[in-house]
Amino acid sequence: MSETFEFYLNGTGIWIQSSGSGDYKTYFDWKIERPFVIKILETKIEDSSDPEPEFWDEEAIWREFEYEFKLISNDCGNEIALCNKGSDYFYVSTQRMGYSNNSSII
């Protein structure tokens, strides 16, 4: 099982949860509210086992999270991780999110 967050410069993103039974993709809009505070609005979910995407209704809300980058030690050494403030995880993920600097994502 793995999880990936991709934040695009246009204020959209995707959270991909992969497992042996397929992929679960949550599309979202994001914006920085103030330094180290992000707001996320989930807009669509795709489940590879269900051909019809689920769209959020007009009552969907922006969820606000205070975040930080932490140095996390694991069996591979030390890595920088994106985390909710006071947690080892980001957003509502159950996996640690390592930081990657890719030219197409931030």
PDB file of N, CA and C in Angstrom:
ATOM      1  N   MET A   1       0.852  -1.182   0.000  1.00  0.00           N
ATOM      2  CA  MET A   1       0.000   0.000   0.000  1.00  0.00           C
ATOM      3  C   MET A   1       0.886   1.229   0.000  1.00  0.00           C
ATOM      4  N   SER A   2       0.481   2.229  -0.789  1.00  0.00           N
ATOM      5  CA  SER A   2       1.210   3.495  -0.829  1.00  0.00           C
ATOM      6  C   SER A   2       0.228   4.644  -1.007  1.00  0.00           C
ATOM      7  N   GLU A   3       0.677   5.833  -0.645  1.00  0.00           N
ATOM      8  CA  GLU A   3      -0.121   7.041  -0.809  1.00  0.00           C
ATOM      9  C   GLU A   3       0.771   8.137  -1.365  1.00  0.00           C
ATOM     10  N   THR A   4       0.210   8.940  -2.259  1.00  0.00           N
ATOM     11  CA  THR A   4       0.941  10.038  -2.875  1.00  0.00           C
ATOM     12  C   THR A   4       0.045  11.265  -2.926  1.00  0.00           C
ATOM     13  N   PHE A   5       0.595  12.407  -2.545  1.00  0.00           N
ATOM     14  CA  PHE A   5      -0.076  13.693  -2.734  1.00  0.00           C
ATOM     15  C   PHE A   5       0.698  14.455  -3.798  1.00  0.00           C
ATOM     16  N   GLU A   6      -0.011  15.044  -4.755  1.00  0.00           N
ATOM     17  CA  GLU A   6       0.606  15.921  -5.750  1.00  0.00           C
ATOM     18  C   GLU A   6      -0.129  17.253  -5.698  1.00  0.00           C
ATOM     19  N   PHE A   7       0.623  18.317  -5.489  1.00  0.00           N
ATOM     20  CA  PHE A   7       0.077  19.677  -5.448  1.00  0.00           C
ATOM     21  C   PHE A   7       0.537  20.392  -6.707  1.00  0.00           C
ATOM     22  N   TYR A   8      -0.398  20.819  -7.542  1.00  0.00           N
ATOM     23  CA  TYR A   8      -0.069  21.495  -8.790  1.00  0.00           C
ATOM     24  C   TYR A   8      -0.119  23.009  -8.595  1.00  0.00           C
ATOM     25  N   LEU A   9       0.673  23.713  -9.373  1.00  0.00           N
ATOM     26  CA  LEU A   9       0.765  25.170  -9.251  1.00  0.00           C
ATOM     27  C   LEU A   9      -0.551  25.893  -9.505  1.00  0.00           C
ATOM     28  N   ASN A  10      -1.480  25.254 -10.209  1.00  0.00           N
ATOM     29  CA  ASN A  10      -2.760  25.905 -10.526  1.00  0.00           C
ATOM     30  C   ASN A  10      -3.787  25.796  -9.394  1.00  0.00           C
ATOM     31  N   GLY A  11      -3.370  25.297  -8.226  1.00  0.00           N
ATOM     32  CA  GLY A  11      -4.277  25.214  -7.087  1.00  0.00           C
ATOM     33  C   GLY A  11      -5.113  23.950  -7.040  1.00  0.00           C
ATOM     34  N   THR A  12      -4.751  22.951  -7.838  1.00  0.00           N
ATOM     35  CA  THR A  12      -5.423  21.660  -7.799  1.00  0.00           C
ATOM     36  C   THR A  12      -4.425  20.609  -7.331  1.00  0.00           C
ATOM     37  N   GLY A  13      -4.935  19.425  -7.055  1.00  0.00           N
ATOM     38  CA  GLY A  13      -4.049  18.343  -6.644  1.00  0.00           C
ATOM     39  C   GLY A  13      -4.757  17.018  -6.691  1.00  0.00           C
ATOM     40  N   ILE A  14      -4.002  15.978  -6.395  1.00  0.00           N
ATOM     41  CA  ILE A  14      -4.546  14.625  -6.361  1.00  0.00           C
ATOM     42  C   ILE A  14      -3.869  13.854  -5.231  1.00  0.00           C
ATOM     43  N   TRP A  15      -4.668  13.081  -4.530  1.00  0.00           N
ATOM     44  CA  TRP A  15      -4.188  12.182  -3.481  1.00  0.00           C
ATOM     45  C   TRP A  15      -4.499  10.778  -3.971  1.00  0.00           C
ATOM     46  N   ILE A  16      -3.467   9.975  -4.187  1.00  0.00           N
ATOM     47  CA  ILE A  16      -3.632   8.624  -4.725  1.00  0.00           C
ATOM     48  C   ILE A  16      -3.300   7.613  -3.637  1.00  0.00           C
ATOM     49  N   GLN A  17      -4.265   6.759  -3.339  1.00  0.00           N
ATOM     50  CA  GLN A  17      -4.063   5.661  -2.406  1.00  0.00           C
ATOM     51  C   GLN A  17      -4.066   4.380  -3.226  1.00  0.00           C
ATOM     52  N   SER A  18      -2.940   3.681  -3.248  1.00  0.00           N
ATOM     53  CA  SER A  18      -2.797   2.469  -4.056  1.00  0.00           C
ATOM     54  C   SER A  18      -2.647   1.250  -3.165  1.00  0.00           C
ATOM     55  N   SER A  19      -3.279   0.173  -3.584  1.00  0.00           N
ATOM     56  CA  SER A  19      -3.147  -1.098  -2.876  1.00  0.00           C
ATOM     57  C   SER A  19      -3.290  -2.220  -3.898  1.00  0.00           C
ATOM     58  N   GLY A  20      -3.217  -3.442  -3.435  1.00  0.00           N
ATOM     59  CA  GLY A  20      -3.360  -4.587  -4.322  1.00  0.00           C
ATOM     60  C   GLY A  20      -4.718  -4.659  -4.995  1.00  0.00           C
ATOM     61  N   SER A  21      -5.703  -3.980  -4.419  1.00  0.00           N
ATOM     62  CA  SER A  21      -7.044  -4.015  -5.014  1.00  0.00           C
ATOM     63  C   SER A  21      -7.314  -2.831  -5.938  1.00  0.00           C
ATOM     64  N   GLY A  22      -6.331  -1.968  -6.156  1.00  0.00           N
ATOM     65  CA  GLY A  22      -6.492  -0.867  -7.100  1.00  0.00           C
ATOM     66  C   GLY A  22      -6.158   0.484  -6.506  1.00  0.00           C
ATOM     67  N   ASP A  23      -6.521   1.522  -7.241  1.00  0.00           N
ATOM     68  CA  ASP A  23      -6.237   2.902  -6.838  1.00  0.00           C
ATOM     69  C   ASP A  23      -7.512   3.610  -6.424  1.00  0.00           C
ATOM     70  N   TYR A  24      -7.369   4.476  -5.438  1.00  0.00           N
ATOM     71  CA  TYR A  24      -8.446   5.337  -4.959  1.00  0.00           C
ATOM     72  C   TYR A  24      -7.888   6.749  -5.072  1.00  0.00           C
ATOM     73  N   LYS A  25      -8.463   7.560  -5.965  1.00  0.00           N
ATOM     74  CA  LYS A  25      -7.939   8.898  -6.237  1.00  0.00           C
ATOM     75  C   LYS A  25      -8.903   9.960  -5.738  1.00  0.00           C
ATOM     76  N   THR A  26      -8.385  10.867  -4.935  1.00  0.00           N
ATOM     77  CA  THR A  26      -9.162  12.002  -4.450  1.00  0.00           C
ATOM     78  C   THR A  26      -8.576  13.261  -5.079  1.00  0.00           C
ATOM     79  N   TYR A  27      -9.375  13.945  -5.884  1.00  0.00           N
ATOM     80  CA  TYR A  27      -8.960  15.203  -6.499  1.00  0.00           C
ATOM     81  C   TYR A  27      -9.372  16.334  -5.561  1.00  0.00           C
ATOM     82  N   PHE A  28      -8.556  17.378  -5.511  1.00  0.00           N
ATOM     83  CA  PHE A  28      -8.858  18.468  -4.595  1.00  0.00           C
ATOM     84  C   PHE A  28      -8.334  19.799  -5.131  1.00  0.00           C
ATOM     85  N   ASP A  29      -8.918  20.869  -4.602  1.00  0.00           N
ATOM     86  CA  ASP A  29      -8.401  22.216  -4.792  1.00  0.00           C
ATOM     87  C   ASP A  29      -7.685  22.586  -3.499  1.00  0.00           C
ATOM     88  N   TRP A  30      -6.655  23.411  -3.595  1.00  0.00           N
ATOM     89  CA  TRP A  30      -5.924  23.804  -2.402  1.00  0.00           C
ATOM     90  C   TRP A  30      -5.531  25.273  -2.496  1.00  0.00           C
ATOM     91  N   LYS A  31      -5.345  25.876  -1.327  1.00  0.00           N
ATOM     92  CA  LYS A  31      -4.839  27.239  -1.256  1.00  0.00           C
ATOM     93  C   LYS A  31      -4.155  27.435   0.093  1.00  0.00           C
ATOM     94  N   ILE A  32      -3.146  28.267   0.069  1.00  0.00           N
ATOM     95  CA  ILE A  32      -2.440  28.614   1.302  1.00  0.00           C
ATOM     96  C   ILE A  32      -3.218  29.742   1.959  1.00  0.00           C
ATOM     97  N   GLU A  33      -3.706  29.494   3.155  1.00  0.00           N
ATOM     98  CA  GLU A  33      -4.487  30.485   3.888  1.00  0.00           C
ATOM     99  C   GLU A  33      -3.565  31.545   4.507  1.00  0.00           C
ATOM    100  N   ARG A  34      -2.497  31.095   5.116  1.00  0.00           N
ATOM    101  CA  ARG A  34      -1.445  31.933   5.698  1.00  0.00           C
ATOM    102  C   ARG A  34      -0.234  31.017   5.830  1.00  0.00           C
ATOM    103  N   PRO A  35       0.921  31.521   6.191  1.00  0.00           N
ATOM    104  CA  PRO A  35       2.092  30.636   6.268  1.00  0.00           C
ATOM    105  C   PRO A  35       1.826  29.382   7.111  1.00  0.00           C
ATOM    106  N   PHE A  36       2.110  28.245   6.521  1.00  0.00           N
ATOM    107  CA  PHE A  36       1.969  26.929   7.144  1.00  0.00           C
ATOM    108  C   PHE A  36       0.542  26.549   7.493  1.00  0.00           C
ATOM    109  N   VAL A  37      -0.422  27.132   6.798  1.00  0.00           N
ATOM    110  CA  VAL A  37      -1.830  26.743   6.919  1.00  0.00           C
ATOM    111  C   VAL A  37      -2.379  26.563   5.510  1.00  0.00           C
ATOM    112  N   ILE A  38      -2.885  25.367   5.242  1.00  0.00           N
ATOM    113  CA  ILE A  38      -3.418  25.052   3.920  1.00  0.00           C
ATOM    114  C   ILE A  38      -4.901  24.714   4.056  1.00  0.00           C
ATOM    115  N   LYS A  39      -5.662  25.108   3.035  1.00  0.00           N
ATOM    116  CA  LYS A  39      -7.063  24.718   2.947  1.00  0.00           C
ATOM    117  C   LYS A  39      -7.200  23.763   1.762  1.00  0.00           C
ATOM    118  N   ILE A  40      -7.975  22.693   1.981  1.00  0.00           N
ATOM    119  CA  ILE A  40      -8.180  21.681   0.947  1.00  0.00           C
ATOM    120  C   ILE A  40      -9.681  21.448   0.775  1.00  0.00           C
ATOM    121  N   LEU A  41     -10.109  21.454  -0.494  1.00  0.00           N
ATOM    122  CA  LEU A  41     -11.497  21.170  -0.857  1.00  0.00           C
ATOM    123  C   LEU A  41     -11.495  19.956  -1.781  1.00  0.00           C
ATOM    124  N   GLU A  42     -12.015  18.829  -1.309  1.00  0.00           N
ATOM    125  CA  GLU A  42     -12.098  17.635  -2.144  1.00  0.00           C
ATOM    126  C   GLU A  42     -13.178  17.844  -3.202  1.00  0.00           C
ATOM    127  N   THR A  43     -12.851  17.527  -4.472  1.00  0.00           N
ATOM    128  CA  THR A  43     -13.769  17.808  -5.570  1.00  0.00           C
ATOM    129  C   THR A  43     -14.283  16.565  -6.295  1.00  0.00           C
ATOM    130  N   LYS A  44     -13.520  15.476  -6.290  1.00  0.00           N
ATOM    131  CA  LYS A  44     -13.952  14.271  -7.010  1.00  0.00           C
ATOM    132  C   LYS A  44     -13.173  13.078  -6.472  1.00  0.00           C
ATOM    133  N   ILE A  45     -13.828  11.927  -6.435  1.00  0.00           N
ATOM    134  CA  ILE A  45     -13.176  10.681  -6.040  1.00  0.00           C
ATOM    135  C   ILE A  45     -13.368   9.661  -7.157  1.00  0.00           C
ATOM    136  N   GLU A  46     -12.273   8.985  -7.491  1.00  0.00           N
ATOM    137  CA  GLU A  46     -12.324   7.878  -8.450  1.00  0.00           C
ATOM    138  C   GLU A  46     -11.793   6.630  -7.769  1.00  0.00           C
ATOM    139  N   ASP A  47     -12.561   5.566  -7.850  1.00  0.00           N
ATOM    140  CA  ASP A  47     -12.171   4.268  -7.305  1.00  0.00           C
ATOM    141  C   ASP A  47     -12.005   3.341  -8.497  1.00  0.00           C
ATOM    142  N   SER A  48     -10.822   2.739  -8.651  1.00  0.00           N
ATOM    143  CA  SER A  48     -10.585   1.901  -9.839  1.00  0.00           C
ATOM    144  C   SER A  48     -11.530   0.701  -9.901  1.00  0.00           C
ATOM    145  N   SER A  49     -12.160   0.351  -8.791  1.00  0.00           N
ATOM    146  CA  SER A  49     -13.117  -0.756  -8.821  1.00  0.00           C
ATOM    147  C   SER A  49     -14.539  -0.296  -9.144  1.00  0.00           C
ATOM    148  N   ASP A  50     -14.734   1.037  -9.290  1.00  0.00           N
ATOM    149  CA  ASP A  50     -16.055   1.599  -9.598  1.00  0.00           C
ATOM    150  C   ASP A  50     -15.890   2.568 -10.774  1.00  0.00           C
ATOM    151  N   PRO A  51     -16.496   2.288 -11.933  1.00  0.00           N
ATOM    152  CA  PRO A  51     -16.272   3.115 -13.120  1.00  0.00           C
ATOM    153  C   PRO A  51     -16.867   4.529 -13.050  1.00  0.00           C
ATOM    154  N   GLU A  52     -17.769   4.795 -12.127  1.00  0.00           N
ATOM    155  CA  GLU A  52     -18.396   6.118 -12.033  1.00  0.00           C
ATOM    156  C   GLU A  52     -17.728   6.966 -10.960  1.00  0.00           C
ATOM    157  N   PRO A  53     -17.109   8.110 -11.342  1.00  0.00           N
ATOM    158  CA  PRO A  53     -16.516   8.970 -10.319  1.00  0.00           C
ATOM    159  C   PRO A  53     -17.584   9.597  -9.434  1.00  0.00           C
ATOM    160  N   GLU A  54     -17.218   9.888  -8.216  1.00  0.00           N
ATOM    161  CA  GLU A  54     -18.130  10.534  -7.265  1.00  0.00           C
ATOM    162  C   GLU A  54     -17.731  12.000  -7.162  1.00  0.00           C
ATOM    163  N   PHE A  55     -18.655  12.902  -7.464  1.00  0.00           N
ATOM    164  CA  PHE A  55     -18.394  14.332  -7.365  1.00  0.00           C
ATOM    165  C   PHE A  55     -18.977  14.860  -6.064  1.00  0.00           C
ATOM    166  N   TRP A  56     -18.289  15.799  -5.476  1.00  0.00           N
ATOM    167  CA  TRP A  56     -18.779  16.401  -4.235  1.00  0.00           C
ATOM    168  C   TRP A  56     -19.887  17.378  -4.547  1.00  0.00           C
ATOM    169  N   ASP A  57     -20.794  17.504  -3.641  1.00  0.00           N
ATOM    170  CA  ASP A  57     -21.908  18.417  -3.845  1.00  0.00           C
ATOM    171  C   ASP A  57     -21.524  19.851  -3.474  1.00  0.00           C
ATOM    172  N   GLU A  58     -22.443  20.764  -3.665  1.00  0.00           N
ATOM    173  CA  GLU A  58     -22.185  22.175  -3.420  1.00  0.00           C
ATOM    174  C   GLU A  58     -21.958  22.496  -1.951  1.00  0.00           C
ATOM    175  N   GLU A  59     -22.286  21.572  -1.059  1.00  0.00           N
ATOM    176  CA  GLU A  59     -22.109  21.805   0.360  1.00  0.00           C
ATOM    177  C   GLU A  59     -20.736  21.355   0.864  1.00  0.00           C
ATOM    178  N   ALA A  60     -19.886  20.898  -0.040  1.00  0.00           N
ATOM    179  CA  ALA A  60     -18.534  20.504   0.361  1.00  0.00           C
ATOM    180  C   ALA A  60     -17.828  21.704   0.981  1.00  0.00           C
ATOM    181  N   ILE A  61     -16.992  21.440   1.953  1.00  0.00           N
ATOM    182  CA  ILE A  61     -16.339  22.530   2.680  1.00  0.00           C
ATOM    183  C   ILE A  61     -14.827  22.478   2.510  1.00  0.00           C
ATOM    184  N   TRP A  62     -14.235  23.645   2.638  1.00  0.00           N
ATOM    185  CA  TRP A  62     -12.789  23.744   2.690  1.00  0.00           C
ATOM    186  C   TRP A  62     -12.340  23.310   4.077  1.00  0.00           C
ATOM    187  N   ARG A  63     -11.438  22.356   4.145  1.00  0.00           N
ATOM    188  CA  ARG A  63     -10.887  21.893   5.421  1.00  0.00           C
ATOM    189  C   ARG A  63      -9.518  22.537   5.615  1.00  0.00           C
ATOM    190  N   GLU A  64      -9.286  23.067   6.799  1.00  0.00           N
ATOM    191  CA  GLU A  64      -8.059  23.797   7.080  1.00  0.00           C
ATOM    192  C   GLU A  64      -7.119  22.950   7.934  1.00  0.00           C
ATOM    193  N   PHE A  65      -5.836  22.933   7.543  1.00  0.00           N
ATOM    194  CA  PHE A  65      -4.819  22.177   8.264  1.00  0.00           C
ATOM    195  C   PHE A  65      -3.569  23.024   8.446  1.00  0.00           C
ATOM    196  N   GLU A  66      -3.064  23.008   9.663  1.00  0.00           N
ATOM    197  CA  GLU A  66      -1.761  23.606   9.924  1.00  0.00           C
ATOM    198  C   GLU A  66      -0.735  22.507   9.668  1.00  0.00           C
ATOM    199  N   TYR A  67       0.312  22.819   8.919  1.00  0.00           N
ATOM    200  CA  TYR A  67       1.277  21.794   8.542  1.00  0.00           C
ATOM    201  C   TYR A  67       2.697  22.217   8.888  1.00  0.00           C
ATOM    202  N   GLU A  68       3.586  21.237   8.859  1.00  0.00           N
ATOM    203  CA  GLU A  68       5.003  21.472   9.088  1.00  0.00           C
ATOM    204  C   GLU A  68       5.791  20.400   8.353  1.00  0.00           C
ATOM    205  N   PHE A  69       7.062  20.645   8.185  1.00  0.00           N
ATOM    206  CA  PHE A  69       7.962  19.640   7.626  1.00  0.00           C
ATOM    207  C   PHE A  69       8.814  19.119   8.770  1.00  0.00           C
ATOM    208  N   LYS A  70       8.922  17.789   8.877  1.00  0.00           N
ATOM    209  CA  LYS A  70       9.671  17.160   9.963  1.00  0.00           C
ATOM    210  C   LYS A  70      10.735  16.237   9.396  1.00  0.00           C
ATOM    211  N   LEU A  71      11.791  16.057  10.158  1.00  0.00           N
ATOM    212  CA  LEU A  71      12.781  15.048   9.839  1.00  0.00           C
ATOM    213  C   LEU A  71      12.321  13.757  10.498  1.00  0.00           C
ATOM    214  N   ILE A  72      12.029  12.742   9.697  1.00  0.00           N
ATOM    215  CA  ILE A  72      11.518  11.463  10.177  1.00  0.00           C
ATOM    216  C   ILE A  72      12.590  10.400   9.954  1.00  0.00           C
ATOM    217  N   SER A  73      12.881   9.630  10.972  1.00  0.00           N
ATOM    218  CA  SER A  73      13.831   8.520  10.849  1.00  0.00           C
ATOM    219  C   SER A  73      13.069   7.235  10.583  1.00  0.00           C
ATOM    220  N   ASN A  74      13.579   6.455   9.642  1.00  0.00           N
ATOM    221  CA  ASN A  74      12.999   5.143   9.365  1.00  0.00           C
ATOM    222  C   ASN A  74      14.122   4.183   8.986  1.00  0.00           C
ATOM    223  N   ASP A  75      13.779   2.973   8.546  1.00  0.00           N
ATOM    224  CA  ASP A  75      14.811   1.981   8.231  1.00  0.00           C
ATOM    225  C   ASP A  75      15.647   2.350   7.004  1.00  0.00           C
ATOM    226  N   CYS A  76      15.234   3.369   6.257  1.00  0.00           N
ATOM    227  CA  CYS A  76      16.006   3.839   5.101  1.00  0.00           C
ATOM    228  C   CYS A  76      16.872   5.049   5.452  1.00  0.00           C
ATOM    229  N   GLY A  77      16.800   5.519   6.675  1.00  0.00           N
ATOM    230  CA  GLY A  77      17.565   6.694   7.081  1.00  0.00           C
ATOM    231  C   GLY A  77      16.638   7.819   7.511  1.00  0.00           C
ATOM    232  N   ASN A  78      17.061   9.059   7.249  1.00  0.00           N
ATOM    233  CA  ASN A  78      16.268  10.233   7.595  1.00  0.00           C
ATOM    234  C   ASN A  78      15.650  10.828   6.340  1.00  0.00           C
ATOM    235  N   GLU A  79      14.390  11.231   6.449  1.00  0.00           N
ATOM    236  CA  GLU A  79      13.685  11.855   5.332  1.00  0.00           C
ATOM    237  C   GLU A  79      12.890  13.044   5.838  1.00  0.00           C
ATOM    238  N   ILE A  80      12.652  13.991   4.933  1.00  0.00           N
ATOM    239  CA  ILE A  80      11.783  15.112   5.265  1.00  0.00           C
ATOM    240  C   ILE A  80      10.356  14.690   4.958  1.00  0.00           C
ATOM    241  N   ALA A  81       9.451  14.918   5.916  1.00  0.00           N
ATOM    242  CA  ALA A  81       8.059  14.518   5.740  1.00  0.00           C
ATOM    243  C   ALA A  81       7.140  15.723   5.899  1.00  0.00           C
ATOM    244  N   LEU A  82       6.094  15.762   5.092  1.00  0.00           N
ATOM    245  CA  LEU A  82       5.024  16.746   5.205  1.00  0.00           C
ATOM    246  C   LEU A  82       4.025  16.212   6.218  1.00  0.00           C
ATOM    247  N   CYS A  83       3.743  16.985   7.278  1.00  0.00           N
ATOM    248  CA  CYS A  83       2.897  16.499   8.375  1.00  0.00           C
ATOM    249  C   CYS A  83       1.934  17.585   8.827  1.00  0.00           C
ATOM    250  N   ASN A  84       0.790  17.158   9.356  1.00  0.00           N
ATOM    251  CA  ASN A  84      -0.049  18.089  10.108  1.00  0.00           C
ATOM    252  C   ASN A  84       0.748  18.494  11.336  1.00  0.00           C
ATOM    253  N   LYS A  85       0.575  19.707  11.796  1.00  0.00           N
ATOM    254  CA  LYS A  85       1.309  20.155  12.975  1.00  0.00           C
ATOM    255  C   LYS A  85       0.978  19.238  14.158  1.00  0.00           C
ATOM    256  N   GLY A  86       2.024  18.742  14.824  1.00  0.00           N
ATOM    257  CA  GLY A  86       1.853  17.865  15.973  1.00  0.00           C
ATOM    258  C   GLY A  86       1.581  16.412  15.630  1.00  0.00           C
ATOM    259  N   SER A  87       1.732  16.026  14.361  1.00  0.00           N
ATOM    260  CA  SER A  87       1.452  14.664  13.917  1.00  0.00           C
ATOM    261  C   SER A  87       2.574  14.186  13.001  1.00  0.00           C
ATOM    262  N   ASP A  88       2.653  12.894  12.782  1.00  0.00           N
ATOM    263  CA  ASP A  88       3.597  12.350  11.805  1.00  0.00           C
ATOM    264  C   ASP A  88       2.937  12.106  10.454  1.00  0.00           C
ATOM    265  N   TYR A  89       1.664  12.518  10.299  1.00  0.00           N
ATOM    266  CA  TYR A  89       0.912  12.267   9.073  1.00  0.00           C
ATOM    267  C   TYR A  89       0.329  13.569   8.530  1.00  0.00           C
ATOM    268  N   PHE A  90       0.006  13.577   7.231  1.00  0.00           N
ATOM    269  CA  PHE A  90      -0.562  14.754   6.592  1.00  0.00           C
ATOM    270  C   PHE A  90      -2.014  14.503   6.209  1.00  0.00           C
ATOM    271  N   TYR A  91      -2.822  15.548   6.364  1.00  0.00           N
ATOM    272  CA  TYR A  91      -4.246  15.524   6.013  1.00  0.00           C
ATOM    273  C   TYR A  91      -4.907  14.419   6.814  1.00  0.00           C
ATOM    274  N   VAL A  92      -5.622  13.494   6.177  1.00  0.00           N
ATOM    275  CA  VAL A  92      -6.225  12.379   6.898  1.00  0.00           C
ATOM    276  C   VAL A  92      -5.571  11.061   6.476  1.00  0.00           C
ATOM    277  N   SER A  93      -4.353  11.165   5.955  1.00  0.00           N
ATOM    278  CA  SER A  93      -3.613  10.004   5.484  1.00  0.00           C
ATOM    279  C   SER A  93      -3.187   9.111   6.646  1.00  0.00           C
ATOM    280  N   THR A  94      -3.012   7.831   6.348  1.00  0.00           N
ATOM    281  CA  THR A  94      -2.491   6.891   7.338  1.00  0.00           C
ATOM    282  C   THR A  94      -1.050   6.506   7.047  1.00  0.00           C
ATOM    283  N   GLN A  95      -0.465   7.122   6.015  1.00  0.00           N
ATOM    284  CA  GLN A  95       0.917   6.880   5.639  1.00  0.00           C
ATOM    285  C   GLN A  95       1.710   8.177   5.791  1.00  0.00           C
ATOM    286  N   ARG A  96       2.996   8.064   6.050  1.00  0.00           N
ATOM    287  CA  ARG A  96       3.840   9.259   6.106  1.00  0.00           C
ATOM    288  C   ARG A  96       4.069   9.772   4.694  1.00  0.00           C
ATOM    289  N   MET A  97       4.103  11.094   4.550  1.00  0.00           N
ATOM    290  CA  MET A  97       4.295  11.718   3.254  1.00  0.00           C
ATOM    291  C   MET A  97       5.704  12.294   3.162  1.00  0.00           C
ATOM    292  N   GLY A  98       6.563  11.633   2.418  1.00  0.00           N
ATOM    293  CA  GLY A  98       7.907  12.142   2.189  1.00  0.00           C
ATOM    294  C   GLY A  98       7.863  13.293   1.204  1.00  0.00           C
ATOM    295  N   TYR A  99       8.771  14.231   1.341  1.00  0.00           N
ATOM    296  CA  TYR A  99       8.823  15.395   0.469  1.00  0.00           C
ATOM    297  C   TYR A  99       9.626  15.058  -0.776  1.00  0.00           C
ATOM    298  N   SER A 100       9.095  15.423  -1.934  1.00  0.00           N
ATOM    299  CA  SER A 100       9.799  15.232  -3.202  1.00  0.00           C
ATOM    300  C   SER A 100       9.702  16.527  -3.986  1.00  0.00           C
ATOM    301  N   ASN A 101      10.822  16.982  -4.517  1.00  0.00           N
ATOM    302  CA  ASN A 101      10.809  18.197  -5.327  1.00  0.00           C
ATOM    303  C   ASN A 101      10.853  17.773  -6.795  1.00  0.00           C
ATOM    304  N   ASN A 102       9.705  17.821  -7.426  1.00  0.00           N
ATOM    305  CA  ASN A 102       9.556  17.457  -8.826  1.00  0.00           C
ATOM    306  C   ASN A 102       9.147  18.726  -9.557  1.00  0.00           C
ATOM    307  N   SER A 103       9.663  18.943 -10.741  1.00  0.00           N
ATOM    308  CA  SER A 103       9.385  20.203 -11.447  1.00  0.00           C
ATOM    309  C   SER A 103       7.911  20.384 -11.791  1.00  0.00           C
ATOM    310  N   SER A 104       7.133  19.300 -11.842  1.00  0.00           N
ATOM    311  CA  SER A 104       5.719  19.436 -12.206  1.00  0.00           C
ATOM    312  C   SER A 104       4.805  19.522 -10.976  1.00  0.00           C
ATOM    313  N   ILE A 105       5.344  19.269  -9.810  1.00  0.00           N
ATOM    314  CA  ILE A 105       4.537  19.336  -8.596  1.00  0.00           C
ATOM    315  C   ILE A 105       5.304  20.093  -7.525  1.00  0.00           C
ATOM    316  N   ILE A 106       4.567  20.569  -6.523  1.00  0.00           N
ATOM    317  CA  ILE A 106       5.239  21.174  -5.382  1.00  0.00           C
ATOM    318  C   ILE A 106       4.739  20.522  -4.116  1.00  0.00           C
TER     319      ILE A 106
END
